[in-house]
């Protein structure tokens, strides 16, 4: 993983991560997902959403509502 990427959101539900990614896209913040679900037992593991470190503060503000 790149040094300048930081995690701003994670969930075990794909649809929640997709909503978060779309919110960031709408605000012109590039994001990347990393699916860490187990390939044998897909209910184990999470999907993480990363942004560039320079966008971290803005991304966290945007995603704050999803975390509540």
PDB file of N, CA and C in Angstrom:
ATOM      1  N   UNK A   1       0.851  -1.177   0.000  1.00  0.00           N
ATOM      2  CA  UNK A   1       0.000   0.000   0.000  1.00  0.00           C
ATOM      3  C   UNK A   1       0.894   1.236   0.000  1.00  0.00           C
ATOM      4  N   UNK A   2       0.486   2.216  -0.707  1.00  0.00           N
ATOM      5  CA  UNK A   2       1.241   3.459  -0.797  1.00  0.00           C
ATOM      6  C   UNK A   2       1.383   4.113   0.576  1.00  0.00           C
ATOM      7  N   UNK A   3       2.491   4.778   0.820  1.00  0.00           N
ATOM      8  CA  UNK A   3       2.724   5.451   2.094  1.00  0.00           C
ATOM      9  C   UNK A   3       1.766   6.610   2.316  1.00  0.00           C
ATOM     10  N   UNK A   4       1.315   7.240   1.252  1.00  0.00           N
ATOM     11  CA  UNK A   4       0.495   8.435   1.402  1.00  0.00           C
ATOM     12  C   UNK A   4      -1.003   8.134   1.441  1.00  0.00           C
ATOM     13  N   UNK A   5      -1.391   6.859   1.532  1.00  0.00           N
ATOM     14  CA  UNK A   5      -2.797   6.499   1.643  1.00  0.00           C
ATOM     15  C   UNK A   5      -3.144   6.210   3.097  1.00  0.00           C
ATOM     16  N   UNK A   6      -4.323   6.671   3.511  1.00  0.00           N
ATOM     17  CA  UNK A   6      -4.792   6.437   4.876  1.00  0.00           C
ATOM     18  C   UNK A   6      -6.222   5.918   4.827  1.00  0.00           C
ATOM     19  N   UNK A   7      -6.571   5.097   5.797  1.00  0.00           N
ATOM     20  CA  UNK A   7      -7.921   4.544   5.850  1.00  0.00           C
ATOM     21  C   UNK A   7      -8.858   5.578   6.496  1.00  0.00           C
ATOM     22  N   UNK A   8     -10.008   5.785   5.859  1.00  0.00           N
ATOM     23  CA  UNK A   8     -10.983   6.738   6.391  1.00  0.00           C
ATOM     24  C   UNK A   8     -12.321   6.084   6.723  1.00  0.00           C
ATOM     25  N   UNK A   9     -12.510   4.834   6.281  1.00  0.00           N
ATOM     26  CA  UNK A   9     -13.781   4.157   6.532  1.00  0.00           C
ATOM     27  C   UNK A   9     -13.588   2.668   6.343  1.00  0.00           C
ATOM     28  N   UNK A  10     -14.311   1.874   7.131  1.00  0.00           N
ATOM     29  CA  UNK A  10     -14.306   0.429   6.929  1.00  0.00           C
ATOM     30  C   UNK A  10     -15.641  -0.144   7.378  1.00  0.00           C
ATOM     31  N   UNK A  11     -16.011  -1.242   6.768  1.00  0.00           N
ATOM     32  CA  UNK A  11     -17.260  -1.908   7.101  1.00  0.00           C
ATOM     33  C   UNK A  11     -17.191  -3.340   6.605  1.00  0.00           C
ATOM     34  N   UNK A  12     -17.998  -4.191   7.211  1.00  0.00           N
ATOM     35  CA  UNK A  12     -18.089  -5.553   6.698  1.00  0.00           C
ATOM     36  C   UNK A  12     -19.180  -5.675   5.640  1.00  0.00           C
ATOM     37  N   UNK A  13     -19.871  -4.553   5.380  1.00  0.00           N
ATOM     38  CA  UNK A  13     -20.943  -4.523   4.391  1.00  0.00           C
ATOM     39  C   UNK A  13     -20.481  -3.755   3.145  1.00  0.00           C
ATOM     40  N   UNK A  14     -20.455  -4.427   2.011  1.00  0.00           N
ATOM     41  CA  UNK A  14     -19.995  -3.814   0.763  1.00  0.00           C
ATOM     42  C   UNK A  14     -20.803  -2.572   0.396  1.00  0.00           C
ATOM     43  N   UNK A  15     -22.132  -2.629   0.575  1.00  0.00           N
ATOM     44  CA  UNK A  15     -22.962  -1.493   0.171  1.00  0.00           C
ATOM     45  C   UNK A  15     -22.624  -0.229   0.969  1.00  0.00           C
ATOM     46  N   UNK A  16     -22.246  -0.373   2.249  1.00  0.00           N
ATOM     47  CA  UNK A  16     -21.887   0.796   3.048  1.00  0.00           C
ATOM     48  C   UNK A  16     -20.608   1.446   2.532  1.00  0.00           C
ATOM     49  N   UNK A  17     -19.650   0.622   2.154  1.00  0.00           N
ATOM     50  CA  UNK A  17     -18.391   1.151   1.621  1.00  0.00           C
ATOM     51  C   UNK A  17     -18.643   1.816   0.273  1.00  0.00           C
ATOM     52  N   UNK A  18     -19.528   1.245  -0.540  1.00  0.00           N
ATOM     53  CA  UNK A  18     -19.846   1.839  -1.839  1.00  0.00           C
ATOM     54  C   UNK A  18     -20.522   3.198  -1.673  1.00  0.00           C
ATOM     55  N   UNK A  19     -21.396   3.332  -0.683  1.00  0.00           N
ATOM     56  CA  UNK A  19     -22.040   4.626  -0.406  1.00  0.00           C
ATOM     57  C   UNK A  19     -20.976   5.643  -0.006  1.00  0.00           C
ATOM     58  N   UNK A  20     -20.063   5.243   0.866  1.00  0.00           N
ATOM     59  CA  UNK A  20     -18.989   6.139   1.298  1.00  0.00           C
ATOM     60  C   UNK A  20     -18.120   6.552   0.112  1.00  0.00           C
ATOM     61  N   UNK A  21     -17.786   5.591  -0.737  1.00  0.00           N
ATOM     62  CA  UNK A  21     -16.965   5.883  -1.914  1.00  0.00           C
ATOM     63  C   UNK A  21     -17.677   6.858  -2.846  1.00  0.00           C
ATOM     64  N   UNK A  22     -18.979   6.667  -3.054  1.00  0.00           N
ATOM     65  CA  UNK A  22     -19.744   7.572  -3.914  1.00  0.00           C
ATOM     66  C   UNK A  22     -19.792   8.986  -3.340  1.00  0.00           C
ATOM     67  N   UNK A  23     -19.926   9.109  -2.023  1.00  0.00           N
ATOM     68  CA  UNK A  23     -19.914  10.430  -1.392  1.00  0.00           C
ATOM     69  C   UNK A  23     -18.584  11.136  -1.640  1.00  0.00           C
ATOM     70  N   UNK A  24     -17.508  10.400  -1.521  1.00  0.00           N
ATOM     71  CA  UNK A  24     -16.195  10.993  -1.770  1.00  0.00           C
ATOM     72  C   UNK A  24     -16.033  11.363  -3.241  1.00  0.00           C
ATOM     73  N   UNK A  25     -16.487  10.487  -4.125  1.00  0.00           N
ATOM     74  CA  UNK A  25     -16.412  10.775  -5.561  1.00  0.00           C
ATOM     75  C   UNK A  25     -17.181  12.048  -5.907  1.00  0.00           C
ATOM     76  N   UNK A  26     -18.363  12.209  -5.304  1.00  0.00           N
ATOM     77  CA  UNK A  26     -19.178  13.407  -5.548  1.00  0.00           C
ATOM     78  C   UNK A  26     -18.459  14.679  -5.099  1.00  0.00           C
ATOM     79  N   UNK A  27     -17.570  14.544  -4.123  1.00  0.00           N
ATOM     80  CA  UNK A  27     -16.817  15.678  -3.607  1.00  0.00           C
ATOM     81  C   UNK A  27     -15.401  15.723  -4.186  1.00  0.00           C
ATOM     82  N   UNK A  28     -15.207  15.007  -5.284  1.00  0.00           N
ATOM     83  CA  UNK A  28     -13.942  15.000  -6.029  1.00  0.00           C
ATOM     84  C   UNK A  28     -12.746  14.558  -5.187  1.00  0.00           C
ATOM     85  N   UNK A  29     -12.991  13.574  -4.316  1.00  0.00           N
ATOM     86  CA  UNK A  29     -11.917  12.973  -3.532  1.00  0.00           C
ATOM     87  C   UNK A  29     -11.735  11.547  -4.038  1.00  0.00           C
ATOM     88  N   UNK A  30     -10.560  11.273  -4.575  1.00  0.00           N
ATOM     89  CA  UNK A  30     -10.269   9.945  -5.097  1.00  0.00           C
ATOM     90  C   UNK A  30     -10.087   8.968  -3.940  1.00  0.00           C
ATOM     91  N   UNK A  31     -10.720   7.807  -4.050  1.00  0.00           N
ATOM     92  CA  UNK A  31     -10.618   6.808  -2.987  1.00  0.00           C
ATOM     93  C   UNK A  31     -10.387   5.420  -3.585  1.00  0.00           C
ATOM     94  N   UNK A  32      -9.900   4.535  -2.733  1.00  0.00           N
ATOM     95  CA  UNK A  32      -9.560   3.179  -3.140  1.00  0.00           C
ATOM     96  C   UNK A  32     -10.082   2.209  -2.094  1.00  0.00           C
ATOM     97  N   UNK A  33     -10.594   1.071  -2.536  1.00  0.00           N
ATOM     98  CA  UNK A  33     -11.077   0.069  -1.596  1.00  0.00           C
ATOM     99  C   UNK A  33     -10.124  -1.118  -1.538  1.00  0.00           C
ATOM    100  N   UNK A  34     -10.091  -1.734  -0.371  1.00  0.00           N
ATOM    101  CA  UNK A  34      -9.324  -2.951  -0.171  1.00  0.00           C
ATOM    102  C   UNK A  34     -10.250  -3.942   0.520  1.00  0.00           C
ATOM    103  N   UNK A  35     -10.621  -4.987  -0.208  1.00  0.00           N
ATOM    104  CA  UNK A  35     -11.540  -5.990   0.310  1.00  0.00           C
ATOM    105  C   UNK A  35     -10.737  -7.056   1.041  1.00  0.00           C
ATOM    106  N   UNK A  36     -10.963  -7.158   2.345  1.00  0.00           N
ATOM    107  CA  UNK A  36     -10.241  -8.138   3.144  1.00  0.00           C
ATOM    108  C   UNK A  36     -11.166  -9.243   3.646  1.00  0.00           C
ATOM    109  N   UNK A  37     -12.286  -9.448   2.942  1.00  0.00           N
ATOM    110  CA  UNK A  37     -13.166 -10.565   3.287  1.00  0.00           C
ATOM    111  C   UNK A  37     -12.446 -11.873   2.999  1.00  0.00           C
ATOM    112  N   UNK A  38     -12.680 -12.830   3.848  1.00  0.00           N
ATOM    113  CA  UNK A  38     -12.123 -14.162   3.660  1.00  0.00           C
ATOM    114  C   UNK A  38     -12.749 -14.794   2.416  1.00  0.00           C
ATOM    115  N   UNK A  39     -11.968 -15.426   1.573  1.00  0.00           N
ATOM    116  CA  UNK A  39     -12.505 -16.006   0.340  1.00  0.00           C
ATOM    117  C   UNK A  39     -13.331 -17.264   0.603  1.00  0.00           C
ATOM    118  N   UNK A  40     -13.091 -17.943   1.709  1.00  0.00           N
ATOM    119  CA  UNK A  40     -13.840 -19.147   2.036  1.00  0.00           C
ATOM    120  C   UNK A  40     -15.090 -18.808   2.847  1.00  0.00           C
ATOM    121  N   UNK A  41     -14.942 -17.897   3.807  1.00  0.00           N
ATOM    122  CA  UNK A  41     -16.060 -17.489   4.660  1.00  0.00           C
ATOM    123  C   UNK A  41     -16.217 -15.973   4.508  1.00  0.00           C
ATOM    124  N   UNK A  42     -17.018 -15.513   3.527  1.00  0.00           N
ATOM    125  CA  UNK A  42     -17.098 -14.084   3.212  1.00  0.00           C
ATOM    126  C   UNK A  42     -17.651 -13.200   4.328  1.00  0.00           C
ATOM    127  N   UNK A  43     -18.222 -13.789   5.362  1.00  0.00           N
ATOM    128  CA  UNK A  43     -18.730 -12.965   6.459  1.00  0.00           C
ATOM    129  C   UNK A  43     -17.622 -12.546   7.417  1.00  0.00           C
ATOM    130  N   UNK A  44     -16.428 -13.064   7.207  1.00  0.00           N
ATOM    131  CA  UNK A  44     -15.281 -12.700   8.039  1.00  0.00           C
ATOM    132  C   UNK A  44     -14.429 -11.688   7.275  1.00  0.00           C
ATOM    133  N   UNK A  45     -14.113 -10.584   7.931  1.00  0.00           N
ATOM    134  CA  UNK A  45     -13.265  -9.574   7.331  1.00  0.00           C
ATOM    135  C   UNK A  45     -14.027  -8.301   7.017  1.00  0.00           C
ATOM    136  N   UNK A  46     -13.292  -7.284   6.599  1.00  0.00           N
ATOM    137  CA  UNK A  46     -13.881  -5.975   6.307  1.00  0.00           C
ATOM    138  C   UNK A  46     -13.401  -5.462   4.963  1.00  0.00           C
ATOM    139  N   UNK A  47     -14.075  -4.434   4.508  1.00  0.00           N
ATOM    140  CA  UNK A  47     -13.664  -3.701   3.320  1.00  0.00           C
ATOM    141  C   UNK A  47     -13.221  -2.328   3.808  1.00  0.00           C
ATOM    142  N   UNK A  48     -12.034  -1.913   3.420  1.00  0.00           N
ATOM    143  CA  UNK A  48     -11.481  -0.636   3.872  1.00  0.00           C
ATOM    144  C   UNK A  48     -11.471   0.366   2.724  1.00  0.00           C
ATOM    145  N   UNK A  49     -11.697   1.616   3.068  1.00  0.00           N
ATOM    146  CA  UNK A  49     -11.702   2.701   2.092  1.00  0.00           C
ATOM    147  C   UNK A  49     -10.547   3.649   2.414  1.00  0.00           C
ATOM    148  N   UNK A  50      -9.702   3.866   1.435  1.00  0.00           N
ATOM    149  CA  UNK A  50      -8.501   4.686   1.602  1.00  0.00           C
ATOM    150  C   UNK A  50      -8.573   5.940   0.741  1.00  0.00           C
ATOM    151  N   UNK A  51      -7.952   7.007   1.236  1.00  0.00           N
ATOM    152  CA  UNK A  51      -7.777   8.235   0.457  1.00  0.00           C
ATOM    153  C   UNK A  51      -6.333   8.690   0.619  1.00  0.00           C
ATOM    154  N   UNK A  52      -5.942   9.625  -0.223  1.00  0.00           N
ATOM    155  CA  UNK A  52      -4.629  10.242  -0.105  1.00  0.00           C
ATOM    156  C   UNK A  52      -4.578  11.029   1.200  1.00  0.00           C
ATOM    157  N   UNK A  53      -3.455  11.007   1.878  1.00  0.00           N
ATOM    158  CA  UNK A  53      -3.302  11.681   3.172  1.00  0.00           C
ATOM    159  C   UNK A  53      -3.712  13.152   3.117  1.00  0.00           C
ATOM    160  N   UNK A  54      -3.466  13.806   1.984  1.00  0.00           N
ATOM    161  CA  UNK A  54      -3.818  15.231   1.868  1.00  0.00           C
ATOM    162  C   UNK A  54      -5.328  15.447   1.868  1.00  0.00           C
ATOM    163  N   UNK A  55      -6.103  14.419   1.549  1.00  0.00           N
ATOM    164  CA  UNK A  55      -7.565  14.507   1.520  1.00  0.00           C
ATOM    165  C   UNK A  55      -8.226  13.948   2.773  1.00  0.00           C
ATOM    166  N   UNK A  56      -7.434  13.458   3.709  1.00  0.00           N
ATOM    167  CA  UNK A  56      -7.967  12.763   4.878  1.00  0.00           C
ATOM    168  C   UNK A  56      -8.954  13.615   5.676  1.00  0.00           C
ATOM    169  N   UNK A  57      -8.598  14.827   5.998  1.00  0.00           N
ATOM    170  CA  UNK A  57      -9.457  15.671   6.830  1.00  0.00           C
ATOM    171  C   UNK A  57     -10.812  15.925   6.171  1.00  0.00           C
ATOM    172  N   UNK A  58     -10.801  16.285   4.892  1.00  0.00           N
ATOM    173  CA  UNK A  58     -12.060  16.525   4.178  1.00  0.00           C
ATOM    174  C   UNK A  58     -12.883  15.250   4.062  1.00  0.00           C
ATOM    175  N   UNK A  59     -12.237  14.141   3.781  1.00  0.00           N
ATOM    176  CA  UNK A  59     -12.950  12.870   3.647  1.00  0.00           C
ATOM    177  C   UNK A  59     -13.605  12.483   4.968  1.00  0.00           C
ATOM    178  N   UNK A  60     -12.899  12.656   6.070  1.00  0.00           N
ATOM    179  CA  UNK A  60     -13.464  12.311   7.377  1.00  0.00           C
ATOM    180  C   UNK A  60     -14.659  13.183   7.721  1.00  0.00           C
ATOM    181  N   UNK A  61     -14.613  14.452   7.345  1.00  0.00           N
ATOM    182  CA  UNK A  61     -15.756  15.337   7.578  1.00  0.00           C
ATOM    183  C   UNK A  61     -16.973  14.866   6.779  1.00  0.00           C
ATOM    184  N   UNK A  62     -16.754  14.505   5.539  1.00  0.00           N
ATOM    185  CA  UNK A  62     -17.830  14.042   4.669  1.00  0.00           C
ATOM    186  C   UNK A  62     -18.427  12.736   5.185  1.00  0.00           C
ATOM    187  N   UNK A  63     -17.589  11.848   5.646  1.00  0.00           N
ATOM    188  CA  UNK A  63     -18.025  10.515   6.059  1.00  0.00           C
ATOM    189  C   UNK A  63     -18.481  10.442   7.514  1.00  0.00           C
ATOM    190  N   UNK A  64     -18.339  11.517   8.248  1.00  0.00           N
ATOM    191  CA  UNK A  64     -18.703  11.522   9.667  1.00  0.00           C
ATOM    192  C   UNK A  64     -20.153  11.073   9.887  1.00  0.00           C
ATOM    193  N   UNK A  65     -21.053  11.472   9.029  1.00  0.00           N
ATOM    194  CA  UNK A  65     -22.477  11.115   9.166  1.00  0.00           C
ATOM    195  C   UNK A  65     -22.685   9.611   9.015  1.00  0.00           C
ATOM    196  N   UNK A  66     -21.883   8.952   8.186  1.00  0.00           N
ATOM    197  CA  UNK A  66     -22.035   7.504   8.001  1.00  0.00           C
ATOM    198  C   UNK A  66     -21.601   6.725   9.233  1.00  0.00           C
ATOM    199  N   UNK A  67     -20.669   7.256   9.980  1.00  0.00           N
ATOM    200  CA  UNK A  67     -20.136   6.559  11.140  1.00  0.00           C
ATOM    201  C   UNK A  67     -21.067   6.639  12.333  1.00  0.00           C
ATOM    202  N   UNK A  68     -21.988   7.580  12.327  1.00  0.00           N
ATOM    203  CA  UNK A  68     -22.910   7.748  13.486  1.00  0.00           C
ATOM    204  C   UNK A  68     -24.096   6.829  13.366  1.00  0.00           C
TER     205      UNK A  68
END
